[in-house]
Amino acid sequence: MAEQRLIIEMGMGNDLNGQDYTKAAKRAIEDAFRHSSLPLFGAVGMGHDQMRVQVTVGVQEPDAVDTAALVATLPRGRAEVRVVKGGLNVATDTDDPIVIAQASVEAFLPPQEGWRLKP
């Protein structure tokens, strides 16, 4: 049996000045974290190292994001970050648009013995 997705959380982050796509992406990931808690690990005695964390971030300039910096911000599990075209740049009165990033954080677990998530 393949891994099972345990959680999906979404978040939004922005950078108001400086057009820093990595900063906006980090804030989007942090926003997603604020919506979740994983008490399952303590309840079943499972280590966080068994969890694979897949993060997808959408910004207008995907190549401007430092994915290694984003992986470093993920506190648990084996992290993977993918950056895609998305998000939004909001025009301002200057040449410094507001950058908005969207993030999806998904946690996957290998098949478990003694219990399983419903498909």
C-alpha atoms as a PDB file:
ATOM      1  CA  MET A   1       0.000   0.000   0.000  1.00  0.00           C
ATOM      2  CA  ALA A   2       1.297   3.479  -0.841  1.00  0.00           C
ATOM      3  CA  GLU A   3       1.733   6.284   1.640  1.00  0.00           C
ATOM      4  CA  GLN A   4      -1.424   7.850   3.004  1.00  0.00           C
ATOM      5  CA  ARG A   5      -1.966  11.584   3.186  1.00  0.00           C
ATOM      6  CA  LEU A   6      -2.635  12.503   6.803  1.00  0.00           C
ATOM      7  CA  ILE A   7      -3.130  16.238   6.589  1.00  0.00           C
ATOM      8  CA  ILE A   8      -3.494  19.085   4.109  1.00  0.00           C
ATOM      9  CA  GLU A   9      -3.241  22.680   5.249  1.00  0.00           C
ATOM     10  CA  MET A  10      -3.208  25.844   3.189  1.00  0.00           C
ATOM     11  CA  GLY A  11      -1.673  29.203   3.933  1.00  0.00           C
ATOM     12  CA  MET A  12      -1.086  32.632   2.470  1.00  0.00           C
ATOM     13  CA  GLY A  13       1.855  34.949   2.963  1.00  0.00           C
ATOM     14  CA  ASN A  14       3.035  38.205   1.502  1.00  0.00           C
ATOM     15  CA  ASP A  15       5.953  40.580   1.206  1.00  0.00           C
ATOM     16  CA  LEU A  16       4.828  44.186   1.185  1.00  0.00           C
ATOM     17  CA  ASN A  17       8.170  45.761   0.268  1.00  0.00           C
ATOM     18  CA  GLY A  18      11.114  44.370  -1.616  1.00  0.00           C
ATOM     19  CA  GLN A  19       9.421  41.805  -3.875  1.00  0.00           C
ATOM     20  CA  ASP A  20      10.966  38.915  -1.900  1.00  0.00           C
ATOM     21  CA  TYR A  21       9.253  35.747  -3.133  1.00  0.00           C
ATOM     22  CA  THR A  22      11.084  33.512  -0.648  1.00  0.00           C
ATOM     23  CA  LYS A  23       9.922  35.658   2.294  1.00  0.00           C
ATOM     24  CA  ALA A  24       6.316  35.545   1.054  1.00  0.00           C
ATOM     25  CA  ALA A  25       6.564  31.760   0.572  1.00  0.00           C
ATOM     26  CA  LYS A  26       7.971  31.246   4.106  1.00  0.00           C
ATOM     27  CA  ARG A  27       5.099  33.275   5.522  1.00  0.00           C
ATOM     28  CA  ALA A  28       2.572  31.197   3.563  1.00  0.00           C
ATOM     29  CA  ILE A  29       4.062  27.978   4.975  1.00  0.00           C
ATOM     30  CA  GLU A  30       4.070  29.412   8.504  1.00  0.00           C
ATOM     31  CA  ASP A  31       0.421  30.428   8.059  1.00  0.00           C
ATOM     32  CA  ALA A  32      -0.454  26.847   7.088  1.00  0.00           C
ATOM     33  CA  PHE A  33       1.340  25.533  10.199  1.00  0.00           C
ATOM     34  CA  ARG A  34      -0.734  27.785  12.438  1.00  0.00           C
ATOM     35  CA  HIS A  35      -3.839  25.885  11.306  1.00  0.00           C
ATOM     36  CA  SER A  36      -2.638  22.426  12.251  1.00  0.00           C
ATOM     37  CA  SER A  37      -1.592  20.146  15.057  1.00  0.00           C
ATOM     38  CA  LEU A  38      -0.495  16.530  14.781  1.00  0.00           C
ATOM     39  CA  PRO A  39      -1.241  14.820  18.112  1.00  0.00           C
ATOM     40  CA  LEU A  40      -1.324  11.486  16.289  1.00  0.00           C
ATOM     41  CA  PHE A  41       2.413  10.964  16.695  1.00  0.00           C
ATOM     42  CA  GLY A  42       2.327  11.041  20.485  1.00  0.00           C
ATOM     43  CA  ALA A  43      -0.852   8.980  20.604  1.00  0.00           C
ATOM     44  CA  VAL A  44       0.606   6.061  18.653  1.00  0.00           C
ATOM     45  CA  GLY A  45       4.267   6.438  19.621  1.00  0.00           C
ATOM     46  CA  MET A  46       5.397   7.237  16.098  1.00  0.00           C
ATOM     47  CA  GLY A  47       8.441   9.380  15.289  1.00  0.00           C
ATOM     48  CA  HIS A  48       8.131  12.427  13.048  1.00  0.00           C
ATOM     49  CA  ASP A  49      10.903  10.999  10.871  1.00  0.00           C
ATOM     50  CA  GLN A  50       8.333   8.589   9.407  1.00  0.00           C
ATOM     51  CA  MET A  51       6.386  11.509   7.918  1.00  0.00           C
ATOM     52  CA  ARG A  52       7.029  12.893   4.445  1.00  0.00           C
ATOM     53  CA  VAL A  53       6.059  16.543   4.105  1.00  0.00           C
ATOM     54  CA  GLN A  54       5.238  17.805   0.616  1.00  0.00           C
ATOM     55  CA  VAL A  55       4.955  21.570   0.256  1.00  0.00           C
ATOM     56  CA  THR A  56       3.716  23.262  -2.898  1.00  0.00           C
ATOM     57  CA  VAL A  57       4.096  27.039  -3.105  1.00  0.00           C
ATOM     58  CA  GLY A  58       2.589  29.249  -5.802  1.00  0.00           C
ATOM     59  CA  VAL A  59       4.177  32.601  -6.681  1.00  0.00           C
ATOM     60  CA  GLN A  60       4.344  34.699  -9.822  1.00  0.00           C
ATOM     61  CA  GLU A  61       8.136  34.199 -10.151  1.00  0.00           C
ATOM     62  CA  PRO A  62       8.893  30.572  -9.138  1.00  0.00           C
ATOM     63  CA  ASP A  63      12.577  30.845 -10.098  1.00  0.00           C
ATOM     64  CA  ALA A  64      13.019  33.650  -7.554  1.00  0.00           C
ATOM     65  CA  VAL A  65      12.292  31.323  -4.602  1.00  0.00           C
ATOM     66  CA  ASP A  66      15.101  29.706  -2.588  1.00  0.00           C
ATOM     67  CA  THR A  67      13.663  26.228  -2.041  1.00  0.00           C
ATOM     68  CA  ALA A  68      16.537  25.192   0.260  1.00  0.00           C
ATOM     69  CA  ALA A  69      15.637  28.073   2.593  1.00  0.00           C
ATOM     70  CA  LEU A  70      12.028  26.863   2.641  1.00  0.00           C
ATOM     71  CA  VAL A  71      13.025  23.258   3.402  1.00  0.00           C
ATOM     72  CA  ALA A  72      15.109  24.568   6.315  1.00  0.00           C
ATOM     73  CA  THR A  73      11.999  26.162   7.867  1.00  0.00           C
ATOM     74  CA  LEU A  74      10.051  22.877   7.999  1.00  0.00           C
ATOM     75  CA  PRO A  75      10.361  21.556  11.555  1.00  0.00           C
ATOM     76  CA  ARG A  76       9.330  17.918  11.142  1.00  0.00           C
ATOM     77  CA  GLY A  77       9.518  15.037   8.721  1.00  0.00           C
ATOM     78  CA  ARG A  78      11.331  14.541   5.447  1.00  0.00           C
ATOM     79  CA  ALA A  79      10.549  17.739   3.583  1.00  0.00           C
ATOM     80  CA  GLU A  80      10.150  18.357  -0.131  1.00  0.00           C
ATOM     81  CA  VAL A  81       9.298  21.779  -1.585  1.00  0.00           C
ATOM     82  CA  ARG A  82       7.966  22.442  -5.062  1.00  0.00           C
ATOM     83  CA  VAL A  83       7.409  25.966  -6.387  1.00  0.00           C
ATOM     84  CA  VAL A  84       4.904  26.590  -9.163  1.00  0.00           C
ATOM     85  CA  LYS A  85       3.496  29.578 -11.009  1.00  0.00           C
ATOM     86  CA  GLY A  86       0.662  31.022  -8.950  1.00  0.00           C
ATOM     87  CA  GLY A  87       0.101  33.545  -6.212  1.00  0.00           C
ATOM     88  CA  LEU A  88      -0.348  37.175  -7.099  1.00  0.00           C
ATOM     89  CA  ASN A  89       1.609  40.379  -7.599  1.00  0.00           C
ATOM     90  CA  VAL A  90      -0.400  43.432  -6.621  1.00  0.00           C
ATOM     91  CA  ALA A  91       0.569  46.651  -8.384  1.00  0.00           C
ATOM     92  CA  THR A  92       1.339  49.666  -6.231  1.00  0.00           C
ATOM     93  CA  ASP A  93       2.066  53.329  -6.962  1.00  0.00           C
ATOM     94  CA  THR A  94       5.773  52.432  -7.125  1.00  0.00           C
ATOM     95  CA  ASP A  95       7.693  49.773  -9.046  1.00  0.00           C
ATOM     96  CA  ASP A  96       7.580  47.571  -5.924  1.00  0.00           C
ATOM     97  CA  PRO A  97       4.532  45.270  -6.167  1.00  0.00           C
ATOM     98  CA  ILE A  98       3.143  43.407  -3.179  1.00  0.00           C
ATOM     99  CA  VAL A  99       3.989  39.710  -3.520  1.00  0.00           C
ATOM    100  CA  ILE A 100       1.395  37.173  -2.385  1.00  0.00           C
ATOM    101  CA  ALA A 101       2.252  33.470  -2.098  1.00  0.00           C
ATOM    102  CA  GLN A 102      -0.049  30.501  -1.527  1.00  0.00           C
ATOM    103  CA  ALA A 103       1.152  27.284   0.098  1.00  0.00           C
ATOM    104  CA  SER A 104      -0.197  23.789   0.494  1.00  0.00           C
ATOM    105  CA  VAL A 105       1.445  21.621   3.165  1.00  0.00           C
ATOM    106  CA  GLU A 106       0.682  17.899   2.957  1.00  0.00           C
ATOM    107  CA  ALA A 107       1.865  15.220   5.382  1.00  0.00           C
ATOM    108  CA  PHE A 108       2.110  11.567   4.311  1.00  0.00           C
ATOM    109  CA  LEU A 109       2.696   8.432   6.387  1.00  0.00           C
ATOM    110  CA  PRO A 110       3.721   4.942   5.316  1.00  0.00           C
ATOM    111  CA  PRO A 111       1.194   2.139   5.823  1.00  0.00           C
ATOM    112  CA  GLN A 112       0.669   1.398   9.524  1.00  0.00           C
ATOM    113  CA  GLU A 113       0.041  -1.834  11.356  1.00  0.00           C
ATOM    114  CA  GLY A 114      -2.775  -2.089  13.883  1.00  0.00           C
ATOM    115  CA  TRP A 115      -4.601   0.955  12.504  1.00  0.00           C
ATOM    116  CA  ARG A 116      -5.050   2.715   9.200  1.00  0.00           C
ATOM    117  CA  LEU A 117      -6.636   5.809   7.759  1.00  0.00           C
ATOM    118  CA  LYS A 118      -9.819   5.236   5.837  1.00  0.00           C
ATOM    119  CA  PRO A 119      -9.316   5.588   2.075  1.00  0.00           C
END
